[in-house]
Protein backbone atom coordinates (compact mmCIF):
# COMPACT_ATOMS: atom_id res chain seq x y z
CA MET A 1 8.33 8.95 -19.63
CA ASN A 2 8.90 8.06 -23.27
CA ARG A 3 8.30 4.47 -24.20
CA GLU A 4 8.77 2.63 -27.47
CA ALA A 5 5.58 1.90 -29.27
CA GLY A 6 4.53 -1.73 -29.27
CA PRO A 7 1.58 -3.88 -30.23
CA ALA A 8 -1.73 -2.32 -29.26
CA GLU A 9 -3.05 -3.61 -25.95
CA PRO A 10 -6.76 -4.36 -25.64
CA THR A 11 -8.72 -1.78 -23.71
CA GLY A 12 -10.78 -2.74 -20.69
CA ALA A 13 -13.94 -3.03 -22.80
CA ASP A 14 -12.16 -5.01 -25.54
CA ALA A 15 -10.63 -7.40 -23.00
CA ALA A 16 -14.00 -7.98 -21.35
CA ASP A 17 -15.46 -8.95 -24.74
CA ASP A 18 -12.51 -11.23 -25.60
CA PRO A 19 -13.00 -14.68 -24.00
CA ALA A 20 -9.35 -15.61 -24.52
CA GLU A 21 -8.13 -12.42 -22.86
CA LEU A 22 -10.54 -12.90 -19.96
CA ALA A 23 -9.35 -16.48 -19.50
CA ARG A 24 -5.71 -15.32 -19.42
CA THR A 25 -6.56 -12.67 -16.82
CA LEU A 26 -8.33 -15.20 -14.59
CA ASP A 27 -5.59 -17.81 -15.01
CA ALA A 28 -2.97 -15.31 -13.82
CA ILE A 29 -4.73 -14.64 -10.50
CA GLY A 30 -3.80 -17.96 -8.88
CA PRO A 31 -0.01 -17.62 -9.29
CA ARG A 32 -0.25 -13.99 -8.18
CA LEU A 33 -2.07 -15.03 -5.00
CA ARG A 34 0.55 -17.69 -4.27
CA ALA A 35 3.40 -15.23 -4.81
CA LEU A 36 1.79 -12.67 -2.49
CA ARG A 37 1.24 -15.24 0.25
CA ARG A 38 4.75 -16.67 0.04
CA GLY A 39 6.26 -13.19 -0.17
CA ARG A 40 4.67 -12.41 3.20
CA GLY A 41 5.82 -15.72 4.68
CA LEU A 42 2.26 -16.96 5.29
CA THR A 43 1.05 -20.55 5.29
CA LEU A 44 -2.30 -21.49 3.82
CA GLU A 45 -3.50 -22.22 7.36
CA ALA A 46 -2.53 -18.72 8.58
CA LEU A 47 -4.21 -17.06 5.60
CA ALA A 48 -7.32 -19.17 6.16
CA ARG A 49 -7.55 -17.91 9.75
CA THR A 50 -7.20 -14.29 8.58
CA THR A 51 -9.71 -14.44 5.72
CA GLY A 52 -12.21 -17.06 6.87
CA ILE A 53 -11.64 -18.92 3.58
CA SER A 54 -10.94 -22.65 3.92
CA VAL A 55 -7.47 -24.04 3.25
CA SER A 56 -8.80 -26.26 0.46
CA THR A 57 -10.44 -23.28 -1.28
CA LEU A 58 -7.27 -21.20 -1.00
CA SER A 59 -5.21 -24.07 -2.39
CA ARG A 60 -7.58 -24.54 -5.33
CA LEU A 61 -7.54 -20.79 -6.04
CA GLU A 62 -3.74 -20.68 -6.11
CA SER A 63 -3.48 -23.76 -8.32
CA GLY A 64 -6.08 -22.42 -10.76
CA LYS A 65 -8.50 -25.27 -10.07
CA ARG A 66 -11.11 -22.80 -8.81
CA ARG A 67 -12.11 -19.58 -10.54
CA PRO A 68 -11.92 -16.51 -8.27
CA THR A 69 -15.02 -14.52 -7.31
CA LEU A 70 -15.38 -11.11 -5.67
CA GLU A 71 -16.50 -12.81 -2.45
CA LEU A 72 -13.11 -14.56 -2.33
CA LEU A 73 -10.88 -11.80 -3.72
CA ILE A 74 -12.06 -8.98 -1.43
CA PRO A 75 -10.94 -10.63 1.86
CA LEU A 76 -7.71 -11.75 0.16
CA ALA A 77 -6.96 -8.21 -1.00
CA ARG A 78 -7.53 -6.99 2.57
CA ALA A 79 -5.33 -9.71 4.04
CA HIS A 80 -2.46 -8.95 1.63
CA ARG A 81 -3.02 -5.17 1.95
CA VAL A 82 -3.23 -4.63 -1.81
CA ALA A 83 -5.83 -3.07 -4.09
CA LEU A 84 -8.32 -5.45 -5.66
CA ASP A 85 -7.21 -4.53 -9.18
CA GLN A 86 -3.67 -5.63 -8.29
CA LEU A 87 -4.94 -9.15 -7.71
CA VAL A 88 -6.87 -9.12 -10.95
CA ALA A 89 -4.27 -7.10 -12.92
CA ALA A 90 -7.14 -5.68 -14.93
CA PRO A 91 -6.17 -4.07 -18.26
CA ALA A 92 -5.98 -0.28 -18.30
CA THR A 93 -9.22 1.42 -19.28
CA GLY A 94 -7.65 4.40 -21.03
CA ASP A 95 -8.68 6.94 -18.40
CA ALA A 96 -6.32 9.53 -16.95
CA ARG A 97 -6.25 8.22 -13.40
CA VAL A 98 -2.93 7.16 -11.89
CA HIS A 99 -2.59 3.45 -11.14
CA LEU A 100 -0.73 3.26 -7.84
CA LYS A 101 2.02 0.68 -7.37
CA PRO A 102 2.55 -0.32 -3.74
CA ARG A 103 6.02 -1.39 -2.67
CA HIS A 104 6.40 -4.20 -0.13
CA ARG A 105 9.31 -4.63 2.25
CA ASP A 106 9.66 -6.60 5.49
CA GLY A 107 5.90 -6.74 5.99
CA SER A 108 5.41 -3.00 5.40
CA VAL A 109 3.68 -1.40 2.42
CA LEU A 110 4.52 1.97 0.87
CA VAL A 111 2.21 3.53 -1.75
CA PRO A 112 3.68 6.58 -3.55
CA LEU A 113 0.87 9.07 -4.19
CA THR A 114 3.10 11.47 -6.14
CA THR A 115 5.71 10.73 -8.79
CA TYR A 116 7.46 14.03 -9.47
CA PRO A 117 10.99 14.33 -8.05
CA GLY A 118 12.46 17.25 -6.12
CA ARG A 119 9.22 18.50 -4.54
CA VAL A 120 7.07 17.47 -1.58
CA GLN A 121 6.50 13.73 -1.86
CA VAL A 122 3.35 12.07 -0.52
CA PHE A 123 3.03 8.44 0.55
CA LYS A 124 0.49 6.22 2.20
CA GLN A 125 2.22 3.67 4.41
CA VAL A 126 1.27 0.59 6.38
CA LEU A 127 4.15 -0.01 8.77
CA ALA A 128 4.91 -3.35 10.41
CA TYR A 129 7.01 -3.54 13.56
CA ARG A 130 10.74 -2.90 13.17
CA GLU A 131 13.53 -2.34 15.63
CA PRO A 132 13.86 1.36 16.55
CA ARG A 133 16.90 2.99 14.94
CA LEU A 134 17.34 6.76 14.94
CA VAL A 135 18.33 8.33 11.61
CA THR A 136 19.03 11.83 10.31
CA HIS A 137 18.79 13.27 6.79
CA ALA A 138 17.93 16.50 5.06
CA GLY A 139 14.26 17.40 4.80
CA TYR A 140 11.02 17.90 6.71
CA GLU A 141 8.36 15.29 7.49
CA TRP A 142 4.64 15.49 8.24
CA LEU A 143 2.84 12.37 9.52
CA TYR A 144 -0.93 11.85 9.84
CA VAL A 145 -2.19 8.67 11.53
CA LEU A 146 -5.04 6.93 9.67
CA ALA A 147 -5.34 3.74 11.73
CA GLY A 148 -3.51 2.16 14.64
CA GLU A 149 -1.03 3.94 16.90
CA LEU A 150 2.27 5.47 15.80
CA HIS A 151 5.29 5.55 18.09
CA LEU A 152 7.46 8.57 17.21
CA VAL A 153 10.91 9.30 18.64
CA ILE A 154 12.56 12.67 17.95
CA GLY A 155 15.88 13.13 19.71
CA GLU A 156 15.18 12.41 23.38
CA ARG A 157 11.42 12.91 23.04
CA SER A 158 9.03 10.00 22.62
CA LEU A 159 5.29 10.19 21.92
CA THR A 160 2.39 8.09 20.71
CA LEU A 161 0.01 9.38 18.02
CA ARG A 162 -3.50 8.01 17.51
CA PRO A 163 -5.85 8.20 14.48
CA GLY A 164 -6.44 11.80 13.43
CA GLU A 165 -3.29 13.13 15.11
CA VAL A 166 -0.44 14.81 13.24
CA ALA A 167 3.27 15.33 13.84
CA GLU A 168 5.81 17.36 11.87
CA PHE A 169 9.54 17.72 12.37
CA ASP A 170 12.87 18.57 10.80
CA THR A 171 14.56 15.33 9.72
CA GLY A 172 17.97 16.79 10.51
CA GLU A 173 17.14 15.82 14.10
CA PRO A 174 17.60 12.12 14.99
CA HIS A 175 14.24 10.41 14.61
CA TRP A 176 12.38 7.11 14.19
CA PHE A 177 8.74 6.11 13.84
CA GLY A 178 6.84 2.85 13.70
CA PRO A 179 3.81 1.04 15.10
CA ALA A 180 3.24 1.13 18.84
CA GLU A 181 2.96 -2.11 20.80
CA GLY A 182 4.29 -4.21 17.91
CA GLU A 183 1.08 -3.85 15.85
CA VAL A 184 0.73 -2.28 12.38
CA VAL A 185 -0.06 1.39 11.79
CA GLU A 186 -1.40 3.15 8.69
CA ILE A 187 -0.21 6.70 8.02
CA LEU A 188 -0.22 9.47 5.44
CA HIS A 189 3.37 10.65 5.07
CA LEU A 190 4.53 13.93 3.45
CA PHE A 191 8.24 14.48 2.95
CA GLY A 192 9.86 17.73 1.79
CA PRO A 193 13.39 16.84 0.60
CA HIS A 194 14.53 20.46 0.80
CA GLY A 195 12.83 21.30 4.08
CA GLU A 196 9.44 22.29 2.63
CA GLN A 197 6.67 22.21 5.22
CA ALA A 198 3.03 21.25 4.80
CA VAL A 199 0.72 24.27 4.93
CA VAL A 200 -2.77 23.65 6.27
CA ARG A 201 -5.35 26.33 5.49
CA THR A 202 -8.81 26.45 7.03
CA THR A 203 -11.70 28.80 6.50
CA GLY A 204 -14.47 29.62 8.91
CA ARG A 205 -16.85 32.27 10.02
CA THR A 206 -15.59 35.20 11.97
CA ALA A 207 -17.55 36.61 14.88
């Protein structure tokens, strides 16, 4: 993607050595924490129960009256299901790694692991409960359960997948999937928009 050139941004090392830049980074964490909590419809009391951090500490963090530490940010990142660097919004370090951008919707999180269009697309998803609704569309899907249990409906068939189990199917057939028993489920999701299928190759010794 072409972007217009702008003022040079400080690198990670430069920002760490710049007290003003470090102060701006830390000051931005509180409002980001508040926005994440409110976006998920959580009260301070509910977040305190999830993280083990007191309500007063959470309130002071969000208002900027207390500086965040790793001991506080790690449980908060887990509770909000985001990467730690998303809370900190750390400046880019100039390396070639892709910085993933999770998308949040109705309590679910989708993390695109690929960005090129028209080919097999790969996502990591954390799915919250939603009402079952069968859909059809062109393509082919491959689902691998990482954590929790996945309820999958394909046509008139219904099955439950557990961690380490895989399902694949043509999306032209009516289907729906979500967490079993109203809990959340974490999956790796491959989607071939033109019907491409995942190919798994293994090697081993022959007798």
